[in-house]
Amino acid sequence: MTFFDSFNLYLLLRIFLSVVSGFIIGSERENKNKSAGAKTHTIVCLGACLAMIISKYGFYDVEKFDAARVAAQIVSGVGFLGAGVIFVKNYGVTGLTTAAGIWTTSIVGMAFGAGMYFVGAVSAAFIVLFQSFMFTGDIFQKHEQYTTIIESSNSGIISKIDSYIEENHLSKKAYNLRFKNQKYILNFEIYPKDAEELNNFIEFLESDLHVEKFDIF
């Protein structure tokens, strides 16, 4: 067996496809300012692919071996990695989608490692589409993330903020509302498309007399 025979070339193709798929999936997450980006997803997908290749072909010189034994550990092992990107912040949970994406990306790597090219490619495409569903039309366009905290003693401010965000198509997430010390405290993340959209939102908050205090960082 030579280094560049047809068998090794097939294995290199599987590794290459896993790297490309992991990079594409991770780039979408990175452009949404997620904690796990292109490097993490690429390495996870590559590692899963290699583990699958080793599981299938690494023990061919052993008489009796379980080909699924190494591959089975990927499913549970990557779960611990995904748990590292889940956070509880301001009474809300973030990172669940990214964690699920990391886990599924490892399965995509396994598909390529097993030689299931079509299944792996289609699954990778579905992951990117599903994770970008809330950002229709700008899958790979990077938005800066800003945390917004607004305080007001008037409950009407909530509907005003919601109306402004809806009318101006301002992307937001992690919406959280608390009532403390006779004040409504609104906390959420915004993703303005540019500086003008951010400045317009700030001007709106400054012009509203019911907004007693706000902070954007």
C-alpha atoms as a PDB file:
ATOM      1  CA  MET A   1       0.000   0.000   0.000  1.00  0.00           C
ATOM      2  CA  THR A   2       1.438   3.403  -1.019  1.00  0.00           C
ATOM      3  CA  PHE A   3       0.715   6.759   0.560  1.00  0.00           C
ATOM      4  CA  PHE A   4      -1.270   7.991  -2.434  1.00  0.00           C
ATOM      5  CA  ASP A   5      -3.159   4.900  -3.512  1.00  0.00           C
ATOM      6  CA  SER A   6      -6.892   5.068  -4.157  1.00  0.00           C
ATOM      7  CA  PHE A   7      -7.788   4.028  -0.583  1.00  0.00           C
ATOM      8  CA  ASN A   8      -5.765   6.787   1.083  1.00  0.00           C
ATOM      9  CA  LEU A   9      -7.057   9.351  -1.415  1.00  0.00           C
ATOM     10  CA  TYR A  10     -10.616   8.400  -0.468  1.00  0.00           C
ATOM     11  CA  LEU A  11      -9.752   8.913   3.196  1.00  0.00           C
ATOM     12  CA  LEU A  12      -8.162  12.298   2.450  1.00  0.00           C
ATOM     13  CA  LEU A  13     -11.315  13.304   0.571  1.00  0.00           C
ATOM     14  CA  ARG A  14     -13.396  12.466   3.635  1.00  0.00           C
ATOM     15  CA  ILE A  15     -11.092  14.526   5.856  1.00  0.00           C
ATOM     16  CA  PHE A  16     -11.172  17.452   3.421  1.00  0.00           C
ATOM     17  CA  LEU A  17     -14.969  17.474   3.217  1.00  0.00           C
ATOM     18  CA  SER A  18     -15.262  17.336   7.005  1.00  0.00           C
ATOM     19  CA  VAL A  19     -12.924  20.325   7.363  1.00  0.00           C
ATOM     20  CA  VAL A  20     -14.861  22.357   4.777  1.00  0.00           C
ATOM     21  CA  SER A  21     -18.225  21.532   6.349  1.00  0.00           C
ATOM     22  CA  GLY A  22     -17.025  22.305   9.869  1.00  0.00           C
ATOM     23  CA  PHE A  23     -15.573  25.614   8.712  1.00  0.00           C
ATOM     24  CA  ILE A  24     -18.791  26.673   6.960  1.00  0.00           C
ATOM     25  CA  ILE A  25     -20.971  25.779   9.955  1.00  0.00           C
ATOM     26  CA  GLY A  26     -18.572  27.477  12.380  1.00  0.00           C
ATOM     27  CA  SER A  27     -18.276  30.620  10.250  1.00  0.00           C
ATOM     28  CA  GLU A  28     -22.027  31.159  10.481  1.00  0.00           C
ATOM     29  CA  ARG A  29     -21.852  30.858  14.285  1.00  0.00           C
ATOM     30  CA  GLU A  30     -18.803  33.135  14.507  1.00  0.00           C
ATOM     31  CA  ASN A  31     -20.498  35.818  12.425  1.00  0.00           C
ATOM     32  CA  LYS A  32     -23.339  35.770  14.947  1.00  0.00           C
ATOM     33  CA  ASN A  33     -20.817  36.407  17.755  1.00  0.00           C
ATOM     34  CA  LYS A  34     -21.243  32.964  19.296  1.00  0.00           C
ATOM     35  CA  SER A  35     -18.717  31.543  21.748  1.00  0.00           C
ATOM     36  CA  ALA A  36     -17.874  28.584  19.471  1.00  0.00           C
ATOM     37  CA  GLY A  37     -16.821  29.669  15.992  1.00  0.00           C
ATOM     38  CA  ALA A  38     -15.080  28.420  12.877  1.00  0.00           C
ATOM     39  CA  LYS A  39     -12.032  26.922  14.619  1.00  0.00           C
ATOM     40  CA  THR A  40     -14.061  24.954  17.165  1.00  0.00           C
ATOM     41  CA  HIS A  41     -16.533  23.526  14.645  1.00  0.00           C
ATOM     42  CA  THR A  42     -13.781  22.707  12.141  1.00  0.00           C
ATOM     43  CA  ILE A  43     -11.724  20.814  14.717  1.00  0.00           C
ATOM     44  CA  VAL A  44     -14.795  18.990  16.071  1.00  0.00           C
ATOM     45  CA  CYS A  45     -15.864  17.902  12.589  1.00  0.00           C
ATOM     46  CA  LEU A  46     -12.313  16.883  11.661  1.00  0.00           C
ATOM     47  CA  GLY A  47     -11.831  14.959  14.913  1.00  0.00           C
ATOM     48  CA  ALA A  48     -15.111  13.094  14.524  1.00  0.00           C
ATOM     49  CA  CYS A  49     -14.205  12.187  10.950  1.00  0.00           C
ATOM     50  CA  LEU A  50     -10.795  10.866  11.999  1.00  0.00           C
ATOM     51  CA  ALA A  51     -12.302   8.882  14.870  1.00  0.00           C
ATOM     52  CA  MET A  52     -14.798   7.336  12.482  1.00  0.00           C
ATOM     53  CA  ILE A  53     -12.048   6.410  10.013  1.00  0.00           C
ATOM     54  CA  ILE A  54      -9.973   4.849  12.793  1.00  0.00           C
ATOM     55  CA  SER A  55     -13.029   3.020  14.103  1.00  0.00           C
ATOM     56  CA  LYS A  56     -13.729   1.523  10.665  1.00  0.00           C
ATOM     57  CA  TYR A  57     -10.231   0.848   9.361  1.00  0.00           C
ATOM     58  CA  GLY A  58      -7.756   1.194  12.232  1.00  0.00           C
ATOM     59  CA  PHE A  59      -8.179  -2.320  13.569  1.00  0.00           C
ATOM     60  CA  TYR A  60      -8.240  -4.330  10.358  1.00  0.00           C
ATOM     61  CA  ASP A  61      -5.255  -6.384  11.600  1.00  0.00           C
ATOM     62  CA  VAL A  62      -7.185  -7.573  14.658  1.00  0.00           C
ATOM     63  CA  GLU A  63      -9.253 -10.715  14.277  1.00  0.00           C
ATOM     64  CA  LYS A  64     -12.208  -9.688  16.406  1.00  0.00           C
ATOM     65  CA  PHE A  65     -13.028  -6.055  17.046  1.00  0.00           C
ATOM     66  CA  ASP A  66     -16.091  -3.874  17.418  1.00  0.00           C
ATOM     67  CA  ALA A  67     -16.032  -1.310  14.601  1.00  0.00           C
ATOM     68  CA  ALA A  68     -18.617   0.863  16.353  1.00  0.00           C
ATOM     69  CA  ARG A  69     -16.797   1.095  19.673  1.00  0.00           C
ATOM     70  CA  VAL A  70     -14.656   4.185  18.947  1.00  0.00           C
ATOM     71  CA  ALA A  71     -17.407   5.896  16.951  1.00  0.00           C
ATOM     72  CA  ALA A  72     -19.901   5.433  19.790  1.00  0.00           C
ATOM     73  CA  GLN A  73     -17.742   7.489  22.137  1.00  0.00           C
ATOM     74  CA  ILE A  74     -17.927  10.539  19.849  1.00  0.00           C
ATOM     75  CA  VAL A  75     -21.646  10.992  20.473  1.00  0.00           C
ATOM     76  CA  SER A  76     -21.269  11.147  24.255  1.00  0.00           C
ATOM     77  CA  GLY A  77     -17.831  12.807  24.326  1.00  0.00           C
ATOM     78  CA  VAL A  78     -18.777  15.843  22.242  1.00  0.00           C
ATOM     79  CA  GLY A  79     -21.749  16.398  24.544  1.00  0.00           C
ATOM     80  CA  PHE A  80     -19.346  17.529  27.291  1.00  0.00           C
ATOM     81  CA  LEU A  81     -17.769  20.006  24.893  1.00  0.00           C
ATOM     82  CA  GLY A  82     -21.167  21.421  23.979  1.00  0.00           C
ATOM     83  CA  ALA A  83     -22.031  21.888  27.651  1.00  0.00           C
ATOM     84  CA  GLY A  84     -19.177  24.399  27.881  1.00  0.00           C
ATOM     85  CA  VAL A  85     -20.969  26.928  25.646  1.00  0.00           C
ATOM     86  CA  ILE A  86     -24.278  26.914  27.569  1.00  0.00           C
ATOM     87  CA  PHE A  87     -24.630  29.840  29.969  1.00  0.00           C
ATOM     88  CA  VAL A  88     -27.329  31.120  32.307  1.00  0.00           C
ATOM     89  CA  LYS A  89     -27.393  34.913  32.172  1.00  0.00           C
ATOM     90  CA  ASN A  90     -30.014  37.366  33.373  1.00  0.00           C
ATOM     91  CA  TYR A  91     -32.466  34.566  34.111  1.00  0.00           C
ATOM     92  CA  GLY A  92     -32.144  33.289  30.551  1.00  0.00           C
ATOM     93  CA  VAL A  93     -30.278  30.385  28.978  1.00  0.00           C
ATOM     94  CA  THR A  94     -28.011  31.034  26.008  1.00  0.00           C
ATOM     95  CA  GLY A  95     -25.838  28.758  23.929  1.00  0.00           C
ATOM     96  CA  LEU A  96     -28.253  25.853  23.500  1.00  0.00           C
ATOM     97  CA  THR A  97     -28.391  26.221  19.718  1.00  0.00           C
ATOM     98  CA  THR A  98     -24.608  26.487  19.439  1.00  0.00           C
ATOM     99  CA  ALA A  99     -24.157  23.451  21.694  1.00  0.00           C
ATOM    100  CA  ALA A 100     -26.597  21.447  19.598  1.00  0.00           C
ATOM    101  CA  GLY A 101     -24.769  22.646  16.488  1.00  0.00           C
ATOM    102  CA  ILE A 102     -21.419  21.438  17.834  1.00  0.00           C
ATOM    103  CA  TRP A 103     -22.868  18.027  18.636  1.00  0.00           C
ATOM    104  CA  THR A 104     -24.535  17.718  15.230  1.00  0.00           C
ATOM    105  CA  THR A 105     -21.381  18.935  13.489  1.00  0.00           C
ATOM    106  CA  SER A 106     -19.542  15.987  15.032  1.00  0.00           C
ATOM    107  CA  ILE A 107     -22.184  13.680  13.547  1.00  0.00           C
ATOM    108  CA  VAL A 108     -21.607  15.308  10.151  1.00  0.00           C
ATOM    109  CA  GLY A 109     -17.911  14.521  10.574  1.00  0.00           C
ATOM    110  CA  MET A 110     -18.815  10.918  11.366  1.00  0.00           C
ATOM    111  CA  ALA A 111     -20.897  10.729   8.187  1.00  0.00           C
ATOM    112  CA  PHE A 112     -17.945  11.871   6.080  1.00  0.00           C
ATOM    113  CA  GLY A 113     -15.646   9.497   7.948  1.00  0.00           C
ATOM    114  CA  ALA A 114     -17.989   6.637   7.084  1.00  0.00           C
ATOM    115  CA  GLY A 115     -17.950   7.636   3.414  1.00  0.00           C
ATOM    116  CA  MET A 116     -21.520   8.975   3.380  1.00  0.00           C
ATOM    117  CA  TYR A 117     -20.656  12.119   1.414  1.00  0.00           C
ATOM    118  CA  PHE A 118     -24.136  13.083   0.268  1.00  0.00           C
ATOM    119  CA  VAL A 119     -25.696  12.646   3.704  1.00  0.00           C
ATOM    120  CA  GLY A 120     -22.908  14.665   5.348  1.00  0.00           C
ATOM    121  CA  ALA A 121     -23.086  17.522   2.834  1.00  0.00           C
ATOM    122  CA  VAL A 122     -26.874  17.821   2.982  1.00  0.00           C
ATOM    123  CA  SER A 123     -26.855  17.672   6.787  1.00  0.00           C
ATOM    124  CA  ALA A 124     -24.223  20.426   6.964  1.00  0.00           C
ATOM    125  CA  ALA A 125     -26.363  22.606   4.695  1.00  0.00           C
ATOM    126  CA  PHE A 126     -29.419  21.999   6.892  1.00  0.00           C
ATOM    127  CA  ILE A 127     -27.468  22.977  10.012  1.00  0.00           C
ATOM    128  CA  VAL A 128     -26.445  26.326   8.498  1.00  0.00           C
ATOM    129  CA  LEU A 129     -29.992  27.032   7.297  1.00  0.00           C
ATOM    130  CA  PHE A 130     -31.657  26.124  10.603  1.00  0.00           C
ATOM    131  CA  GLN A 131     -29.184  28.069  12.742  1.00  0.00           C
ATOM    132  CA  SER A 132     -29.610  31.104  10.485  1.00  0.00           C
ATOM    133  CA  PHE A 133     -33.415  30.932  10.388  1.00  0.00           C
ATOM    134  CA  MET A 134     -33.815  34.027  12.574  1.00  0.00           C
ATOM    135  CA  PHE A 135     -31.386  35.965  10.383  1.00  0.00           C
ATOM    136  CA  THR A 136     -33.039  35.441   7.000  1.00  0.00           C
ATOM    137  CA  GLY A 137     -31.164  36.998   4.101  1.00  0.00           C
ATOM    138  CA  ASP A 138     -27.887  37.681   5.887  1.00  0.00           C
ATOM    139  CA  ILE A 139     -26.584  34.248   6.874  1.00  0.00           C
ATOM    140  CA  PHE A 140     -22.911  35.179   6.652  1.00  0.00           C
ATOM    141  CA  GLN A 141     -23.184  38.923   7.315  1.00  0.00           C
ATOM    142  CA  LYS A 142     -21.530  39.836  10.601  1.00  0.00           C
ATOM    143  CA  HIS A 143     -23.499  41.943  13.105  1.00  0.00           C
ATOM    144  CA  GLU A 144     -22.079  43.476  16.247  1.00  0.00           C
ATOM    145  CA  GLN A 145     -23.836  42.441  19.441  1.00  0.00           C
ATOM    146  CA  TYR A 146     -24.890  45.004  22.056  1.00  0.00           C
ATOM    147  CA  THR A 147     -26.422  44.380  25.460  1.00  0.00           C
ATOM    148  CA  THR A 148     -29.243  46.811  26.231  1.00  0.00           C
ATOM    149  CA  ILE A 149     -30.578  47.565  29.733  1.00  0.00           C
ATOM    150  CA  ILE A 150     -33.568  49.892  30.117  1.00  0.00           C
ATOM    151  CA  GLU A 151     -35.205  51.065  33.359  1.00  0.00           C
ATOM    152  CA  SER A 152     -38.614  52.696  33.675  1.00  0.00           C
ATOM    153  CA  SER A 153     -41.402  52.988  36.234  1.00  0.00           C
ATOM    154  CA  ASN A 154     -43.987  53.066  33.426  1.00  0.00           C
ATOM    155  CA  SER A 155     -45.078  49.685  32.080  1.00  0.00           C
ATOM    156  CA  GLY A 156     -46.049  51.328  28.786  1.00  0.00           C
ATOM    157  CA  ILE A 157     -42.377  51.538  27.829  1.00  0.00           C
ATOM    158  CA  ILE A 158     -42.387  47.814  27.088  1.00  0.00           C
ATOM    159  CA  SER A 159     -44.919  48.052  24.254  1.00  0.00           C
ATOM    160  CA  LYS A 160     -43.158  51.156  22.894  1.00  0.00           C
ATOM    161  CA  ILE A 161     -39.818  49.356  22.724  1.00  0.00           C
ATOM    162  CA  ASP A 162     -41.440  46.307  21.114  1.00  0.00           C
ATOM    163  CA  SER A 163     -43.193  48.483  18.530  1.00  0.00           C
ATOM    164  CA  TYR A 164     -39.990  50.325  17.621  1.00  0.00           C
ATOM    165  CA  ILE A 165     -38.004  47.106  17.241  1.00  0.00           C
ATOM    166  CA  GLU A 166     -40.725  45.530  15.084  1.00  0.00           C
ATOM    167  CA  GLU A 167     -41.273  48.593  12.875  1.00  0.00           C
ATOM    168  CA  ASN A 168     -37.549  49.109  12.276  1.00  0.00           C
ATOM    169  CA  HIS A 169     -36.714  45.400  11.897  1.00  0.00           C
ATOM    170  CA  LEU A 170     -34.038  45.555  14.568  1.00  0.00           C
ATOM    171  CA  SER A 171     -32.734  42.065  15.368  1.00  0.00           C
ATOM    172  CA  LYS A 172     -32.890  41.143  19.055  1.00  0.00           C
ATOM    173  CA  LYS A 173     -32.745  38.109  21.343  1.00  0.00           C
ATOM    174  CA  ALA A 174     -32.480  37.041  25.022  1.00  0.00           C
ATOM    175  CA  TYR A 175     -35.453  39.220  25.989  1.00  0.00           C
ATOM    176  CA  ASN A 176     -35.766  39.473  29.764  1.00  0.00           C
ATOM    177  CA  LEU A 177     -38.073  41.599  31.948  1.00  0.00           C
ATOM    178  CA  ARG A 178     -37.875  42.095  35.720  1.00  0.00           C
ATOM    179  CA  PHE A 179     -39.760  44.248  38.196  1.00  0.00           C
ATOM    180  CA  LYS A 180     -37.535  45.493  41.008  1.00  0.00           C
ATOM    181  CA  ASN A 181     -37.754  48.493  43.358  1.00  0.00           C
ATOM    182  CA  GLN A 182     -40.929  49.719  41.647  1.00  0.00           C
ATOM    183  CA  LYS A 183     -39.179  49.775  38.272  1.00  0.00           C
ATOM    184  CA  TYR A 184     -39.368  47.671  35.142  1.00  0.00           C
ATOM    185  CA  ILE A 185     -35.931  46.506  34.031  1.00  0.00           C
ATOM    186  CA  LEU A 186     -35.735  45.361  30.439  1.00  0.00           C
ATOM    187  CA  ASN A 187     -32.657  43.468  29.281  1.00  0.00           C
ATOM    188  CA  PHE A 188     -31.984  42.121  25.767  1.00  0.00           C
ATOM    189  CA  GLU A 189     -29.375  41.800  23.023  1.00  0.00           C
ATOM    190  CA  ILE A 190     -29.580  43.766  19.776  1.00  0.00           C
ATOM    191  CA  TYR A 191     -27.777  43.260  16.461  1.00  0.00           C
ATOM    192  CA  PRO A 192     -27.859  46.537  14.505  1.00  0.00           C
ATOM    193  CA  LYS A 193     -26.890  46.250  10.843  1.00  0.00           C
ATOM    194  CA  ASP A 194     -24.794  49.417  11.001  1.00  0.00           C
ATOM    195  CA  ALA A 195     -23.899  52.416  13.159  1.00  0.00           C
ATOM    196  CA  GLU A 196     -26.850  54.416  11.846  1.00  0.00           C
ATOM    197  CA  GLU A 197     -29.366  51.829  13.035  1.00  0.00           C
ATOM    198  CA  LEU A 198     -27.716  51.789  16.474  1.00  0.00           C
ATOM    199  CA  ASN A 199     -27.698  55.610  16.710  1.00  0.00           C
ATOM    200  CA  ASN A 200     -31.366  55.769  15.701  1.00  0.00           C
ATOM    201  CA  PHE A 201     -32.248  53.370  18.505  1.00  0.00           C
ATOM    202  CA  ILE A 202     -30.254  55.438  21.017  1.00  0.00           C
ATOM    203  CA  GLU A 203     -31.991  58.632  19.860  1.00  0.00           C
ATOM    204  CA  PHE A 204     -35.349  56.923  20.303  1.00  0.00           C
ATOM    205  CA  LEU A 205     -34.499  55.969  23.894  1.00  0.00           C
ATOM    206  CA  GLU A 206     -33.230  59.480  24.666  1.00  0.00           C
ATOM    207  CA  SER A 207     -36.396  61.101  23.303  1.00  0.00           C
ATOM    208  CA  ASP A 208     -38.787  58.940  25.321  1.00  0.00           C
ATOM    209  CA  LEU A 209     -39.591  60.623  28.645  1.00  0.00           C
ATOM    210  CA  HIS A 210     -40.627  57.313  30.192  1.00  0.00           C
ATOM    211  CA  VAL A 211     -37.114  55.902  29.858  1.00  0.00           C
ATOM    212  CA  GLU A 212     -35.477  56.844  33.145  1.00  0.00           C
ATOM    213  CA  LYS A 213     -32.171  55.115  32.505  1.00  0.00           C
ATOM    214  CA  PHE A 214     -30.622  53.004  29.786  1.00  0.00           C
ATOM    215  CA  ASP A 215     -27.266  51.513  28.996  1.00  0.00           C
ATOM    216  CA  ILE A 216     -25.973  49.968  25.759  1.00  0.00           C
ATOM    217  CA  PHE A 217     -22.623  48.199  25.733  1.00  0.00           C
END
